[in-house]
């Protein structure tokens, strides 16, 4: 499915998806949803099971915070 279809199907959720195809600038075009959840931690936990050579992305399909708010993300290596 493409990114817009994933956003529409999983509104207000976090998504972990495998990137299937990209454009010439390496931007994702088509993805395969691995997991989706209202809870961000569910998606981040699943990241531990992603293969070394697997090209994945995470995204949030909810409303972006208003100007003046800060958002913090964390990552694991």
C-alpha atoms as a PDB file:
ATOM      1  CA  UNK A   1       0.000   0.000   0.000  1.00  0.00           C
ATOM      2  CA  UNK A   2       1.149   3.557  -0.455  1.00  0.00           C
ATOM      3  CA  UNK A   3       1.825   5.969   2.442  1.00  0.00           C
ATOM      4  CA  UNK A   4      -1.452   7.854   2.015  1.00  0.00           C
ATOM      5  CA  UNK A   5      -3.464   4.619   2.136  1.00  0.00           C
ATOM      6  CA  UNK A   6      -1.689   3.625   5.358  1.00  0.00           C
ATOM      7  CA  UNK A   7      -2.387   7.043   6.912  1.00  0.00           C
ATOM      8  CA  UNK A   8      -6.061   6.782   5.957  1.00  0.00           C
ATOM      9  CA  UNK A   9      -6.504   3.208   7.188  1.00  0.00           C
ATOM     10  CA  UNK A  10      -4.684   3.744  10.505  1.00  0.00           C
ATOM     11  CA  UNK A  11      -5.748   7.261  11.544  1.00  0.00           C
ATOM     12  CA  UNK A  12      -4.342   8.600  14.825  1.00  0.00           C
ATOM     13  CA  UNK A  13      -1.987   5.646  15.185  1.00  0.00           C
ATOM     14  CA  UNK A  14       1.713   4.872  15.152  1.00  0.00           C
ATOM     15  CA  UNK A  15       2.893   2.694  12.266  1.00  0.00           C
ATOM     16  CA  UNK A  16       6.009   0.610  11.715  1.00  0.00           C
ATOM     17  CA  UNK A  17       6.259  -0.295   8.047  1.00  0.00           C
ATOM     18  CA  UNK A  18       8.734  -2.002   5.769  1.00  0.00           C
ATOM     19  CA  UNK A  19       9.595   0.167   2.780  1.00  0.00           C
ATOM     20  CA  UNK A  20       8.845  -1.832  -0.373  1.00  0.00           C
ATOM     21  CA  UNK A  21       9.653   0.779  -3.043  1.00  0.00           C
ATOM     22  CA  UNK A  22      11.218   4.247  -3.056  1.00  0.00           C
ATOM     23  CA  UNK A  23      11.514   7.051  -5.580  1.00  0.00           C
ATOM     24  CA  UNK A  24      14.739   8.420  -7.096  1.00  0.00           C
ATOM     25  CA  UNK A  25      15.383  10.446  -3.914  1.00  0.00           C
ATOM     26  CA  UNK A  26      14.903   7.344  -1.708  1.00  0.00           C
ATOM     27  CA  UNK A  27      11.546   8.590  -0.371  1.00  0.00           C
ATOM     28  CA  UNK A  28       9.138   5.759   0.480  1.00  0.00           C
ATOM     29  CA  UNK A  29       6.401   5.171  -2.088  1.00  0.00           C
ATOM     30  CA  UNK A  30       5.026   1.781  -1.148  1.00  0.00           C
ATOM     31  CA  UNK A  31       5.104   0.146   2.292  1.00  0.00           C
ATOM     32  CA  UNK A  32       4.041  -3.042   4.058  1.00  0.00           C
ATOM     33  CA  UNK A  33       2.629  -2.326   7.512  1.00  0.00           C
ATOM     34  CA  UNK A  34       4.331  -4.488  10.144  1.00  0.00           C
ATOM     35  CA  UNK A  35       2.430  -3.159  13.165  1.00  0.00           C
ATOM     36  CA  UNK A  36       0.107  -0.280  13.969  1.00  0.00           C
ATOM     37  CA  UNK A  37      -1.030   0.872  17.386  1.00  0.00           C
ATOM     38  CA  UNK A  38      -2.436   3.818  19.313  1.00  0.00           C
ATOM     39  CA  UNK A  39       0.465   3.191  21.708  1.00  0.00           C
ATOM     40  CA  UNK A  40       3.874   4.335  20.421  1.00  0.00           C
ATOM     41  CA  UNK A  41       5.693   1.895  22.712  1.00  0.00           C
ATOM     42  CA  UNK A  42       4.120  -1.096  20.922  1.00  0.00           C
ATOM     43  CA  UNK A  43       5.675   0.075  17.663  1.00  0.00           C
ATOM     44  CA  UNK A  44       9.067   0.834  19.202  1.00  0.00           C
ATOM     45  CA  UNK A  45       9.154  -2.605  20.871  1.00  0.00           C
ATOM     46  CA  UNK A  46       8.605  -4.229  17.479  1.00  0.00           C
ATOM     47  CA  UNK A  47      11.655  -2.354  16.139  1.00  0.00           C
ATOM     48  CA  UNK A  48      13.816  -4.757  18.169  1.00  0.00           C
ATOM     49  CA  UNK A  49      12.693  -7.565  15.843  1.00  0.00           C
ATOM     50  CA  UNK A  50      13.496  -5.791  12.580  1.00  0.00           C
ATOM     51  CA  UNK A  51      16.212  -7.470  10.519  1.00  0.00           C
ATOM     52  CA  UNK A  52      19.560  -5.773   9.918  1.00  0.00           C
ATOM     53  CA  UNK A  53      18.959  -5.309   6.204  1.00  0.00           C
ATOM     54  CA  UNK A  54      15.269  -4.514   6.469  1.00  0.00           C
ATOM     55  CA  UNK A  55      14.400  -0.946   5.371  1.00  0.00           C
ATOM     56  CA  UNK A  56      11.699   0.320   7.732  1.00  0.00           C
ATOM     57  CA  UNK A  57      10.053   3.581   8.740  1.00  0.00           C
ATOM     58  CA  UNK A  58       7.881   4.767  11.587  1.00  0.00           C
ATOM     59  CA  UNK A  59       5.202   7.399  11.325  1.00  0.00           C
ATOM     60  CA  UNK A  60       2.405   8.907  13.352  1.00  0.00           C
ATOM     61  CA  UNK A  61      -0.839   9.593  11.531  1.00  0.00           C
ATOM     62  CA  UNK A  62      -2.447  11.831  14.132  1.00  0.00           C
ATOM     63  CA  UNK A  63      -2.620  15.565  14.468  1.00  0.00           C
ATOM     64  CA  UNK A  64       0.719  17.390  14.612  1.00  0.00           C
ATOM     65  CA  UNK A  65       1.181  19.450  17.804  1.00  0.00           C
ATOM     66  CA  UNK A  66       0.485  23.164  17.489  1.00  0.00           C
ATOM     67  CA  UNK A  67       3.251  25.692  17.052  1.00  0.00           C
ATOM     68  CA  UNK A  68       4.933  26.381  20.386  1.00  0.00           C
ATOM     69  CA  UNK A  69       4.865  22.779  21.606  1.00  0.00           C
ATOM     70  CA  UNK A  70       7.952  20.574  21.714  1.00  0.00           C
ATOM     71  CA  UNK A  71       8.037  16.889  20.844  1.00  0.00           C
ATOM     72  CA  UNK A  72      10.829  14.546  21.902  1.00  0.00           C
ATOM     73  CA  UNK A  73      11.691  11.224  20.307  1.00  0.00           C
ATOM     74  CA  UNK A  74      14.135   8.623  21.456  1.00  0.00           C
ATOM     75  CA  UNK A  75      15.916   5.928  19.565  1.00  0.00           C
ATOM     76  CA  UNK A  76      17.809   2.752  20.255  1.00  0.00           C
ATOM     77  CA  UNK A  77      20.874   1.488  18.490  1.00  0.00           C
END
